[in-house]
Amino acid sequence: MSGLSELAQRYAAALFELADQRKELDQVANDLVSLRAAIQESPELQRLLSSPLVDRDAQGRALGALLARMGVGATVRNFVAVAARNRRLFALRGMADAFLADLARRRGEVRAEVVSARPLSDAQYQRLLEMLRRATGGKVAVDAAVDESLIGGLVVRVGSRQIDTSLKTKLLRLQLAMKGAS
């Protein structure tokens, strides 16, 4: 395990223990999913979290304001404030990933990351969830995200397996095949 991974695991374990004591596991998990999506979708936020040039107080204030606007609960806001004071925001996504993986493991769930070109309708989400349950043979927790650059289709990641049915990838394969044929 790398140093960054160990750091993320330690922070995630502390947050898990606190959330469990407060009976807020689901709320904290939902807040972390939202935070992780915000980090993934915003290059500016990624720079803020990783820049050594921004002092920790400014990072903490900026992130605190963002989390309040997102409606994130006090437990996660306080956790992020501690990470900011300790200059550990660069590992925030890893902390969220570790927390969510631990929660899923303890609940006997398989975690699936689904990225689509547009938000899934409720019917599409339920159909996808049912297919994932059948494929994995158990409970599935889905983290859904939107990436318009996919054009259409889905990218589904369960553990180390990935299924990419996106139009973007199909077009890239076609482009490569055409280059090879010329």
N, C-alpha and C. Protein backbone atom coordinates (compact mmCIF):
# COMPACT_ATOMS: atom_id res chain seq x y z
N MET A 1 0.86 -1.19 0.00
CA MET A 1 0.00 0.00 0.00
C MET A 1 0.90 1.24 0.00
N SER A 2 0.56 2.21 -0.84
CA SER A 2 1.37 3.42 -0.94
C SER A 2 1.12 4.34 0.25
N GLY A 3 2.01 5.30 0.43
CA GLY A 3 1.86 6.26 1.52
C GLY A 3 0.57 7.05 1.41
N LEU A 4 0.20 7.45 0.18
CA LEU A 4 -1.03 8.20 -0.03
C LEU A 4 -2.24 7.34 0.31
N SER A 5 -2.19 6.08 -0.10
CA SER A 5 -3.29 5.16 0.18
C SER A 5 -3.44 4.92 1.68
N GLU A 6 -2.31 4.76 2.37
CA GLU A 6 -2.35 4.57 3.82
C GLU A 6 -2.93 5.80 4.52
N LEU A 7 -2.53 6.97 4.07
CA LEU A 7 -3.04 8.21 4.62
C LEU A 7 -4.56 8.29 4.43
N ALA A 8 -5.00 8.02 3.22
CA ALA A 8 -6.43 8.06 2.92
C ALA A 8 -7.19 7.04 3.78
N GLN A 9 -6.62 5.86 3.94
CA GLN A 9 -7.26 4.81 4.76
C GLN A 9 -7.39 5.26 6.22
N ARG A 10 -6.35 5.87 6.77
CA ARG A 10 -6.39 6.32 8.17
C ARG A 10 -7.47 7.38 8.38
N TYR A 11 -7.50 8.36 7.50
CA TYR A 11 -8.51 9.41 7.62
C TYR A 11 -9.91 8.83 7.43
N ALA A 12 -10.06 7.95 6.45
CA ALA A 12 -11.37 7.34 6.19
C ALA A 12 -11.83 6.52 7.39
N ALA A 13 -10.90 5.79 8.02
CA ALA A 13 -11.26 4.98 9.19
C ALA A 13 -11.73 5.87 10.34
N ALA A 14 -11.06 7.00 10.53
CA ALA A 14 -11.48 7.92 11.60
C ALA A 14 -12.86 8.49 11.30
N LEU A 15 -13.11 8.88 10.06
CA LEU A 15 -14.42 9.40 9.68
C LEU A 15 -15.49 8.31 9.82
N PHE A 16 -15.15 7.09 9.44
CA PHE A 16 -16.11 5.98 9.54
C PHE A 16 -16.51 5.77 11.00
N GLU A 17 -15.53 5.75 11.88
CA GLU A 17 -15.81 5.55 13.30
C GLU A 17 -16.71 6.66 13.84
N LEU A 18 -16.42 7.89 13.49
CA LEU A 18 -17.22 9.03 13.94
C LEU A 18 -18.65 8.95 13.38
N ALA A 19 -18.76 8.66 12.09
CA ALA A 19 -20.09 8.57 11.46
C ALA A 19 -20.89 7.41 12.06
N ASP A 20 -20.22 6.32 12.35
CA ASP A 20 -20.90 5.16 12.95
C ASP A 20 -21.40 5.50 14.35
N GLN A 21 -20.58 6.17 15.14
CA GLN A 21 -20.99 6.58 16.49
C GLN A 21 -22.19 7.51 16.44
N ARG A 22 -22.20 8.39 15.47
CA ARG A 22 -23.29 9.37 15.36
C ARG A 22 -24.49 8.82 14.58
N LYS A 23 -24.39 7.58 14.11
CA LYS A 23 -25.46 6.95 13.31
C LYS A 23 -25.75 7.77 12.04
N GLU A 24 -24.66 8.21 11.40
CA GLU A 24 -24.76 9.04 10.20
C GLU A 24 -24.07 8.40 8.99
N LEU A 25 -23.93 7.09 8.98
CA LEU A 25 -23.17 6.45 7.90
C LEU A 25 -23.76 6.76 6.52
N ASP A 26 -25.08 6.66 6.39
CA ASP A 26 -25.70 6.92 5.09
C ASP A 26 -25.55 8.38 4.68
N GLN A 27 -25.76 9.30 5.61
CA GLN A 27 -25.63 10.73 5.31
C GLN A 27 -24.20 11.06 4.89
N VAL A 28 -23.23 10.56 5.65
CA VAL A 28 -21.83 10.82 5.32
C VAL A 28 -21.48 10.22 3.97
N ALA A 29 -21.96 9.00 3.70
CA ALA A 29 -21.69 8.36 2.40
C ALA A 29 -22.27 9.20 1.26
N ASN A 30 -23.50 9.66 1.41
CA ASN A 30 -24.11 10.49 0.37
C ASN A 30 -23.33 11.78 0.17
N ASP A 31 -22.91 12.40 1.26
CA ASP A 31 -22.13 13.64 1.17
C ASP A 31 -20.80 13.39 0.46
N LEU A 32 -20.17 12.26 0.75
CA LEU A 32 -18.88 11.95 0.13
C LEU A 32 -19.04 11.64 -1.36
N VAL A 33 -20.14 11.00 -1.73
CA VAL A 33 -20.40 10.75 -3.15
C VAL A 33 -20.56 12.08 -3.88
N SER A 34 -21.29 13.01 -3.29
CA SER A 34 -21.47 14.34 -3.90
C SER A 34 -20.15 15.09 -3.99
N LEU A 35 -19.36 15.02 -2.93
CA LEU A 35 -18.06 15.70 -2.92
C LEU A 35 -17.14 15.10 -3.97
N ARG A 36 -17.11 13.79 -4.04
CA ARG A 36 -16.26 13.12 -5.02
C ARG A 36 -16.66 13.50 -6.44
N ALA A 37 -17.96 13.57 -6.71
CA ALA A 37 -18.44 13.98 -8.04
C ALA A 37 -18.02 15.41 -8.34
N ALA A 38 -18.12 16.29 -7.35
CA ALA A 38 -17.72 17.69 -7.55
C ALA A 38 -16.23 17.79 -7.88
N ILE A 39 -15.42 17.00 -7.19
CA ILE A 39 -13.97 17.00 -7.45
C ILE A 39 -13.70 16.49 -8.86
N GLN A 40 -14.37 15.42 -9.23
CA GLN A 40 -14.15 14.81 -10.55
C GLN A 40 -14.56 15.75 -11.67
N GLU A 41 -15.61 16.53 -11.47
CA GLU A 41 -16.15 17.37 -12.53
C GLU A 41 -15.50 18.75 -12.63
N SER A 42 -14.68 19.12 -11.64
CA SER A 42 -14.15 20.48 -11.63
C SER A 42 -12.62 20.52 -11.59
N PRO A 43 -12.00 20.85 -12.71
CA PRO A 43 -10.54 21.01 -12.71
C PRO A 43 -10.08 22.11 -11.74
N GLU A 44 -10.91 23.16 -11.58
CA GLU A 44 -10.55 24.23 -10.65
C GLU A 44 -10.49 23.71 -9.21
N LEU A 45 -11.46 22.88 -8.85
CA LEU A 45 -11.47 22.30 -7.51
C LEU A 45 -10.29 21.36 -7.32
N GLN A 46 -9.96 20.59 -8.34
CA GLN A 46 -8.80 19.70 -8.27
C GLN A 46 -7.52 20.50 -8.03
N ARG A 47 -7.39 21.64 -8.73
CA ARG A 47 -6.21 22.49 -8.52
C ARG A 47 -6.18 23.07 -7.11
N LEU A 48 -7.34 23.50 -6.62
CA LEU A 48 -7.41 24.05 -5.27
C LEU A 48 -6.95 23.02 -4.24
N LEU A 49 -7.39 21.78 -4.40
CA LEU A 49 -7.06 20.73 -3.44
C LEU A 49 -5.59 20.33 -3.47
N SER A 50 -4.99 20.42 -4.65
CA SER A 50 -3.62 19.91 -4.78
C SER A 50 -2.54 20.99 -4.78
N SER A 51 -2.92 22.26 -4.85
CA SER A 51 -1.93 23.31 -4.99
C SER A 51 -1.23 23.63 -3.66
N PRO A 52 0.09 23.53 -3.64
CA PRO A 52 0.83 23.93 -2.44
C PRO A 52 0.94 25.46 -2.33
N LEU A 53 0.53 26.17 -3.39
CA LEU A 53 0.63 27.62 -3.39
C LEU A 53 -0.53 28.29 -2.66
N VAL A 54 -1.64 27.57 -2.49
CA VAL A 54 -2.80 28.12 -1.79
C VAL A 54 -2.65 27.73 -0.32
N ASP A 55 -2.69 28.72 0.57
CA ASP A 55 -2.49 28.38 1.98
C ASP A 55 -3.69 27.62 2.55
N ARG A 56 -3.44 26.89 3.61
CA ARG A 56 -4.46 25.98 4.15
C ARG A 56 -5.72 26.70 4.61
N ASP A 57 -5.60 27.91 5.13
CA ASP A 57 -6.79 28.65 5.56
C ASP A 57 -7.68 29.00 4.37
N ALA A 58 -7.04 29.45 3.28
CA ALA A 58 -7.81 29.78 2.07
C ALA A 58 -8.46 28.53 1.48
N GLN A 59 -7.73 27.42 1.47
CA GLN A 59 -8.30 26.17 0.99
C GLN A 59 -9.50 25.77 1.84
N GLY A 60 -9.33 25.84 3.14
CA GLY A 60 -10.40 25.46 4.06
C GLY A 60 -11.64 26.33 3.90
N ARG A 61 -11.42 27.64 3.78
CA ARG A 61 -12.56 28.56 3.60
C ARG A 61 -13.29 28.31 2.29
N ALA A 62 -12.53 28.17 1.22
CA ALA A 62 -13.13 27.95 -0.11
C ALA A 62 -13.92 26.64 -0.13
N LEU A 63 -13.32 25.59 0.39
CA LEU A 63 -14.00 24.30 0.39
C LEU A 63 -15.19 24.30 1.34
N GLY A 64 -15.05 24.97 2.48
CA GLY A 64 -16.16 25.08 3.43
C GLY A 64 -17.36 25.77 2.80
N ALA A 65 -17.11 26.83 2.06
CA ALA A 65 -18.20 27.56 1.39
C ALA A 65 -18.85 26.68 0.33
N LEU A 66 -18.05 25.95 -0.42
CA LEU A 66 -18.59 25.06 -1.45
C LEU A 66 -19.45 23.97 -0.82
N LEU A 67 -18.95 23.36 0.25
CA LEU A 67 -19.70 22.27 0.90
C LEU A 67 -21.01 22.77 1.50
N ALA A 68 -20.99 23.96 2.06
CA ALA A 68 -22.22 24.54 2.60
C ALA A 68 -23.23 24.77 1.49
N ARG A 69 -22.77 25.29 0.35
CA ARG A 69 -23.66 25.52 -0.80
C ARG A 69 -24.21 24.21 -1.33
N MET A 70 -23.42 23.13 -1.24
CA MET A 70 -23.86 21.82 -1.72
C MET A 70 -24.82 21.15 -0.74
N GLY A 71 -24.95 21.70 0.47
CA GLY A 71 -25.82 21.11 1.46
C GLY A 71 -25.21 19.92 2.19
N VAL A 72 -23.88 19.87 2.22
CA VAL A 72 -23.17 18.78 2.89
C VAL A 72 -23.31 18.95 4.40
N GLY A 73 -23.50 17.84 5.09
CA GLY A 73 -23.71 17.85 6.53
C GLY A 73 -22.48 18.27 7.33
N ALA A 74 -22.72 18.57 8.60
CA ALA A 74 -21.67 19.09 9.48
C ALA A 74 -20.53 18.10 9.67
N THR A 75 -20.82 16.82 9.73
CA THR A 75 -19.75 15.84 9.98
C THR A 75 -18.72 15.89 8.86
N VAL A 76 -19.17 15.88 7.62
CA VAL A 76 -18.22 15.92 6.50
C VAL A 76 -17.57 17.29 6.39
N ARG A 77 -18.32 18.36 6.63
CA ARG A 77 -17.71 19.70 6.59
C ARG A 77 -16.60 19.81 7.63
N ASN A 78 -16.83 19.32 8.84
CA ASN A 78 -15.80 19.37 9.89
C ASN A 78 -14.62 18.48 9.54
N PHE A 79 -14.90 17.32 8.97
CA PHE A 79 -13.84 16.41 8.55
C PHE A 79 -12.94 17.08 7.51
N VAL A 80 -13.55 17.72 6.52
CA VAL A 80 -12.79 18.41 5.48
C VAL A 80 -11.99 19.56 6.08
N ALA A 81 -12.56 20.25 7.06
CA ALA A 81 -11.83 21.34 7.72
C ALA A 81 -10.58 20.82 8.42
N VAL A 82 -10.68 19.67 9.06
CA VAL A 82 -9.51 19.05 9.71
C VAL A 82 -8.47 18.67 8.66
N ALA A 83 -8.93 18.07 7.56
CA ALA A 83 -8.00 17.70 6.48
C ALA A 83 -7.31 18.94 5.92
N ALA A 84 -8.04 20.04 5.81
CA ALA A 84 -7.45 21.30 5.31
C ALA A 84 -6.40 21.82 6.30
N ARG A 85 -6.74 21.84 7.59
CA ARG A 85 -5.77 22.31 8.60
C ARG A 85 -4.50 21.48 8.59
N ASN A 86 -4.63 20.18 8.29
CA ASN A 86 -3.48 19.28 8.28
C ASN A 86 -2.80 19.18 6.91
N ARG A 87 -3.25 20.03 5.95
CA ARG A 87 -2.71 20.05 4.58
C ARG A 87 -2.83 18.67 3.93
N ARG A 88 -3.99 18.06 4.06
CA ARG A 88 -4.22 16.73 3.50
C ARG A 88 -5.33 16.71 2.44
N LEU A 89 -5.72 17.88 1.94
CA LEU A 89 -6.80 17.94 0.97
C LEU A 89 -6.44 17.24 -0.35
N PHE A 90 -5.16 17.13 -0.65
CA PHE A 90 -4.73 16.45 -1.86
C PHE A 90 -5.18 14.99 -1.86
N ALA A 91 -5.46 14.42 -0.69
CA ALA A 91 -5.87 13.02 -0.57
C ALA A 91 -7.37 12.88 -0.34
N LEU A 92 -8.13 13.97 -0.50
CA LEU A 92 -9.55 13.95 -0.16
C LEU A 92 -10.34 12.93 -0.98
N ARG A 93 -10.08 12.86 -2.27
CA ARG A 93 -10.81 11.88 -3.08
C ARG A 93 -10.49 10.46 -2.63
N GLY A 94 -9.25 10.19 -2.33
CA GLY A 94 -8.86 8.86 -1.83
C GLY A 94 -9.52 8.54 -0.50
N MET A 95 -9.67 9.56 0.35
CA MET A 95 -10.36 9.37 1.63
C MET A 95 -11.82 8.99 1.39
N ALA A 96 -12.47 9.69 0.47
CA ALA A 96 -13.87 9.39 0.15
C ALA A 96 -13.99 7.99 -0.43
N ASP A 97 -13.09 7.64 -1.35
CA ASP A 97 -13.11 6.30 -1.94
C ASP A 97 -12.93 5.22 -0.88
N ALA A 98 -11.99 5.43 0.04
CA ALA A 98 -11.72 4.45 1.08
C ALA A 98 -12.92 4.29 2.02
N PHE A 99 -13.55 5.41 2.39
CA PHE A 99 -14.73 5.36 3.26
C PHE A 99 -15.84 4.57 2.58
N LEU A 100 -16.13 4.90 1.32
CA LEU A 100 -17.23 4.25 0.60
C LEU A 100 -16.95 2.77 0.36
N ALA A 101 -15.69 2.43 0.07
CA ALA A 101 -15.33 1.02 -0.12
C ALA A 101 -15.49 0.25 1.18
N ASP A 102 -15.08 0.83 2.29
CA ASP A 102 -15.22 0.17 3.59
C ASP A 102 -16.69 -0.03 3.94
N LEU A 103 -17.50 0.99 3.72
CA LEU A 103 -18.93 0.88 4.00
C LEU A 103 -19.57 -0.22 3.15
N ALA A 104 -19.24 -0.24 1.87
CA ALA A 104 -19.80 -1.26 0.98
C ALA A 104 -19.36 -2.66 1.42
N ARG A 105 -18.09 -2.82 1.77
CA ARG A 105 -17.59 -4.11 2.21
C ARG A 105 -18.30 -4.59 3.46
N ARG A 106 -18.47 -3.69 4.43
CA ARG A 106 -19.13 -4.06 5.67
C ARG A 106 -20.60 -4.40 5.46
N ARG A 107 -21.22 -3.83 4.45
CA ARG A 107 -22.62 -4.10 4.17
C ARG A 107 -22.81 -5.23 3.17
N GLY A 108 -21.70 -5.80 2.70
CA GLY A 108 -21.79 -6.88 1.72
C GLY A 108 -22.22 -6.40 0.35
N GLU A 109 -21.94 -5.15 0.04
CA GLU A 109 -22.31 -4.57 -1.24
C GLU A 109 -21.12 -4.56 -2.19
N VAL A 110 -21.44 -4.59 -3.47
CA VAL A 110 -20.45 -4.37 -4.50
C VAL A 110 -20.67 -2.93 -4.98
N ARG A 111 -19.60 -2.18 -5.12
CA ARG A 111 -19.72 -0.79 -5.55
C ARG A 111 -19.48 -0.71 -7.05
N ALA A 112 -20.36 -0.04 -7.74
CA ALA A 112 -20.24 0.14 -9.19
C ALA A 112 -20.21 1.62 -9.51
N GLU A 113 -19.27 2.00 -10.36
CA GLU A 113 -19.20 3.39 -10.84
C GLU A 113 -19.78 3.40 -12.24
N VAL A 114 -20.77 4.24 -12.46
CA VAL A 114 -21.43 4.33 -13.76
C VAL A 114 -21.32 5.77 -14.25
N VAL A 115 -20.76 5.92 -15.43
CA VAL A 115 -20.65 7.23 -16.05
C VAL A 115 -21.46 7.19 -17.34
N SER A 116 -22.35 8.16 -17.48
CA SER A 116 -23.20 8.23 -18.67
C SER A 116 -23.06 9.60 -19.31
N ALA A 117 -23.48 9.68 -20.57
CA ALA A 117 -23.39 10.95 -21.30
C ALA A 117 -24.42 11.95 -20.80
N ARG A 118 -25.55 11.45 -20.33
CA ARG A 118 -26.63 12.28 -19.78
C ARG A 118 -27.12 11.63 -18.50
N PRO A 119 -27.76 12.38 -17.63
CA PRO A 119 -28.30 11.76 -16.41
C PRO A 119 -29.28 10.64 -16.76
N LEU A 120 -29.21 9.55 -16.02
CA LEU A 120 -30.11 8.42 -16.25
C LEU A 120 -31.49 8.74 -15.69
N SER A 121 -32.52 8.32 -16.41
CA SER A 121 -33.88 8.45 -15.88
C SER A 121 -34.05 7.43 -14.76
N ASP A 122 -35.09 7.59 -13.97
CA ASP A 122 -35.34 6.63 -12.89
C ASP A 122 -35.50 5.22 -13.44
N ALA A 123 -36.21 5.08 -14.55
CA ALA A 123 -36.42 3.75 -15.16
C ALA A 123 -35.09 3.16 -15.64
N GLN A 124 -34.26 3.97 -16.27
CA GLN A 124 -32.95 3.49 -16.74
C GLN A 124 -32.08 3.09 -15.56
N TYR A 125 -32.09 3.90 -14.51
CA TYR A 125 -31.29 3.61 -13.31
C TYR A 125 -31.74 2.28 -12.70
N GLN A 126 -33.04 2.08 -12.56
CA GLN A 126 -33.56 0.85 -11.96
C GLN A 126 -33.20 -0.36 -12.82
N ARG A 127 -33.30 -0.23 -14.15
CA ARG A 127 -32.95 -1.33 -15.05
C ARG A 127 -31.46 -1.66 -14.94
N LEU A 128 -30.63 -0.63 -14.89
CA LEU A 128 -29.19 -0.83 -14.74
C LEU A 128 -28.87 -1.50 -13.40
N LEU A 129 -29.51 -1.03 -12.35
CA LEU A 129 -29.30 -1.61 -11.02
C LEU A 129 -29.67 -3.09 -11.01
N GLU A 130 -30.77 -3.44 -11.61
CA GLU A 130 -31.20 -4.84 -11.67
C GLU A 130 -30.21 -5.69 -12.46
N MET A 131 -29.72 -5.18 -13.59
CA MET A 131 -28.73 -5.92 -14.38
C MET A 131 -27.44 -6.12 -13.60
N LEU A 132 -27.02 -5.08 -12.86
CA LEU A 132 -25.80 -5.20 -12.06
C LEU A 132 -25.99 -6.20 -10.92
N ARG A 133 -27.17 -6.20 -10.31
CA ARG A 133 -27.45 -7.19 -9.25
C ARG A 133 -27.36 -8.61 -9.79
N ARG A 134 -27.94 -8.84 -10.96
CA ARG A 134 -27.89 -10.17 -11.57
C ARG A 134 -26.45 -10.56 -11.92
N ALA A 135 -25.71 -9.61 -12.46
CA ALA A 135 -24.33 -9.90 -12.88
C ALA A 135 -23.40 -10.16 -11.71
N THR A 136 -23.61 -9.45 -10.59
CA THR A 136 -22.71 -9.61 -9.44
C THR A 136 -23.22 -10.63 -8.43
N GLY A 137 -24.51 -10.91 -8.48
CA GLY A 137 -25.07 -11.87 -7.55
C GLY A 137 -25.26 -11.33 -6.15
N GLY A 138 -25.34 -10.04 -5.99
CA GLY A 138 -25.51 -9.47 -4.66
C GLY A 138 -26.01 -8.04 -4.70
N LYS A 139 -25.90 -7.40 -3.55
CA LYS A 139 -26.31 -6.00 -3.45
C LYS A 139 -25.29 -5.12 -4.18
N VAL A 140 -25.81 -4.09 -4.81
CA VAL A 140 -24.95 -3.19 -5.57
C VAL A 140 -25.24 -1.76 -5.16
N ALA A 141 -24.18 -1.01 -4.88
CA ALA A 141 -24.30 0.43 -4.63
C ALA A 141 -23.73 1.12 -5.86
N VAL A 142 -24.50 2.00 -6.46
CA VAL A 142 -24.10 2.66 -7.70
C VAL A 142 -23.71 4.11 -7.44
N ASP A 143 -22.54 4.47 -7.93
CA ASP A 143 -22.11 5.88 -7.96
C ASP A 143 -22.27 6.33 -9.39
N ALA A 144 -23.23 7.19 -9.64
CA ALA A 144 -23.50 7.65 -11.00
C ALA A 144 -22.89 9.02 -11.23
N ALA A 145 -22.30 9.20 -12.39
CA ALA A 145 -21.74 10.49 -12.78
C ALA A 145 -22.07 10.73 -14.24
N VAL A 146 -21.96 11.98 -14.66
CA VAL A 146 -22.25 12.36 -16.04
C VAL A 146 -20.98 12.93 -16.67
N ASP A 147 -20.69 12.46 -17.88
CA ASP A 147 -19.58 12.99 -18.66
C ASP A 147 -20.08 13.15 -20.09
N GLU A 148 -20.43 14.38 -20.46
CA GLU A 148 -21.02 14.64 -21.77
C GLU A 148 -20.10 14.29 -22.92
N SER A 149 -18.80 14.20 -22.66
CA SER A 149 -17.86 13.87 -23.74
C SER A 149 -18.03 12.43 -24.23
N LEU A 150 -18.77 11.60 -23.49
CA LEU A 150 -19.01 10.22 -23.92
C LEU A 150 -19.94 10.17 -25.13
N ILE A 151 -20.69 11.22 -25.38
CA ILE A 151 -21.64 11.38 -26.48
C ILE A 151 -22.87 10.51 -26.26
N GLY A 152 -22.70 9.25 -25.95
CA GLY A 152 -23.80 8.32 -25.70
C GLY A 152 -23.24 7.07 -25.05
N GLY A 153 -24.11 6.22 -24.52
CA GLY A 153 -23.66 4.98 -23.91
C GLY A 153 -23.25 5.16 -22.46
N LEU A 154 -22.58 4.12 -21.94
CA LEU A 154 -22.18 4.08 -20.53
C LEU A 154 -20.77 3.54 -20.38
N VAL A 155 -20.16 3.90 -19.27
CA VAL A 155 -18.94 3.25 -18.81
C VAL A 155 -19.27 2.75 -17.41
N VAL A 156 -19.19 1.43 -17.23
CA VAL A 156 -19.51 0.81 -15.94
C VAL A 156 -18.25 0.15 -15.40
N ARG A 157 -17.90 0.48 -14.16
CA ARG A 157 -16.73 -0.09 -13.52
C ARG A 157 -17.18 -0.77 -12.23
N VAL A 158 -16.93 -2.07 -12.14
CA VAL A 158 -17.22 -2.84 -10.93
C VAL A 158 -15.92 -3.52 -10.54
N GLY A 159 -15.36 -3.09 -9.42
CA GLY A 159 -14.07 -3.62 -9.02
C GLY A 159 -13.03 -3.29 -10.07
N SER A 160 -12.31 -4.30 -10.54
CA SER A 160 -11.28 -4.08 -11.55
C SER A 160 -11.82 -4.27 -12.96
N ARG A 161 -13.09 -4.63 -13.10
CA ARG A 161 -13.70 -4.84 -14.41
C ARG A 161 -14.34 -3.55 -14.91
N GLN A 162 -14.18 -3.31 -16.21
CA GLN A 162 -14.79 -2.12 -16.81
C GLN A 162 -15.46 -2.52 -18.12
N ILE A 163 -16.67 -2.03 -18.28
CA ILE A 163 -17.40 -2.22 -19.53
C ILE A 163 -17.66 -0.84 -20.10
N ASP A 164 -17.14 -0.60 -21.30
CA ASP A 164 -17.26 0.72 -21.92
C ASP A 164 -18.08 0.59 -23.20
N THR A 165 -19.32 1.06 -23.15
CA THR A 165 -20.18 1.04 -24.34
C THR A 165 -20.41 2.45 -24.87
N SER A 166 -19.52 3.36 -24.49
CA SER A 166 -19.72 4.76 -24.89
C SER A 166 -19.45 4.95 -26.38
N LEU A 167 -20.18 5.87 -26.96
CA LEU A 167 -20.00 6.20 -28.36
C LEU A 167 -18.61 6.79 -28.61
N LYS A 168 -18.11 7.52 -27.65
CA LYS A 168 -16.78 8.12 -27.76
C LYS A 168 -15.73 7.03 -27.98
N THR A 169 -15.78 5.96 -27.18
CA THR A 169 -14.81 4.87 -27.31
C THR A 169 -15.00 4.14 -28.63
N LYS A 170 -16.25 3.92 -29.04
CA LYS A 170 -16.51 3.24 -30.31
C LYS A 170 -15.95 4.05 -31.48
N LEU A 171 -16.09 5.37 -31.42
CA LEU A 171 -15.55 6.23 -32.47
C LEU A 171 -14.02 6.20 -32.48
N LEU A 172 -13.42 6.17 -31.29
CA LEU A 172 -11.95 6.08 -31.22
C LEU A 172 -11.45 4.77 -31.81
N ARG A 173 -12.14 3.66 -31.51
CA ARG A 173 -11.75 2.36 -32.07
C ARG A 173 -11.88 2.36 -33.59
N LEU A 174 -12.97 2.96 -34.08
CA LEU A 174 -13.17 3.05 -35.52
C LEU A 174 -12.05 3.87 -36.17
N GLN A 175 -11.71 4.98 -35.53
CA GLN A 175 -10.65 5.84 -36.04
C GLN A 175 -9.31 5.06 -36.11
N LEU A 176 -9.01 4.29 -35.06
CA LEU A 176 -7.78 3.50 -35.03
C LEU A 176 -7.82 2.42 -36.12
N ALA A 177 -8.97 1.79 -36.28
CA ALA A 177 -9.10 0.75 -37.29
C ALA A 177 -8.91 1.32 -38.68
N MET A 178 -9.43 2.52 -38.92
CA MET A 178 -9.29 3.16 -40.23
C MET A 178 -7.84 3.56 -40.50
N LYS A 179 -7.13 3.98 -39.47
CA LYS A 179 -5.71 4.32 -39.63
C LYS A 179 -4.91 3.09 -40.01
N GLY A 180 -5.26 1.96 -39.38
CA GLY A 180 -4.56 0.70 -39.66
C GLY A 180 -4.85 0.18 -41.04
N ALA A 181 -6.02 0.50 -41.59
CA ALA A 181 -6.41 0.00 -42.90
C ALA A 181 -5.83 0.83 -44.04
N SER A 182 -5.37 2.03 -43.74
CA SER A 182 -4.88 2.89 -44.83
C SER A 182 -3.43 2.69 -45.12
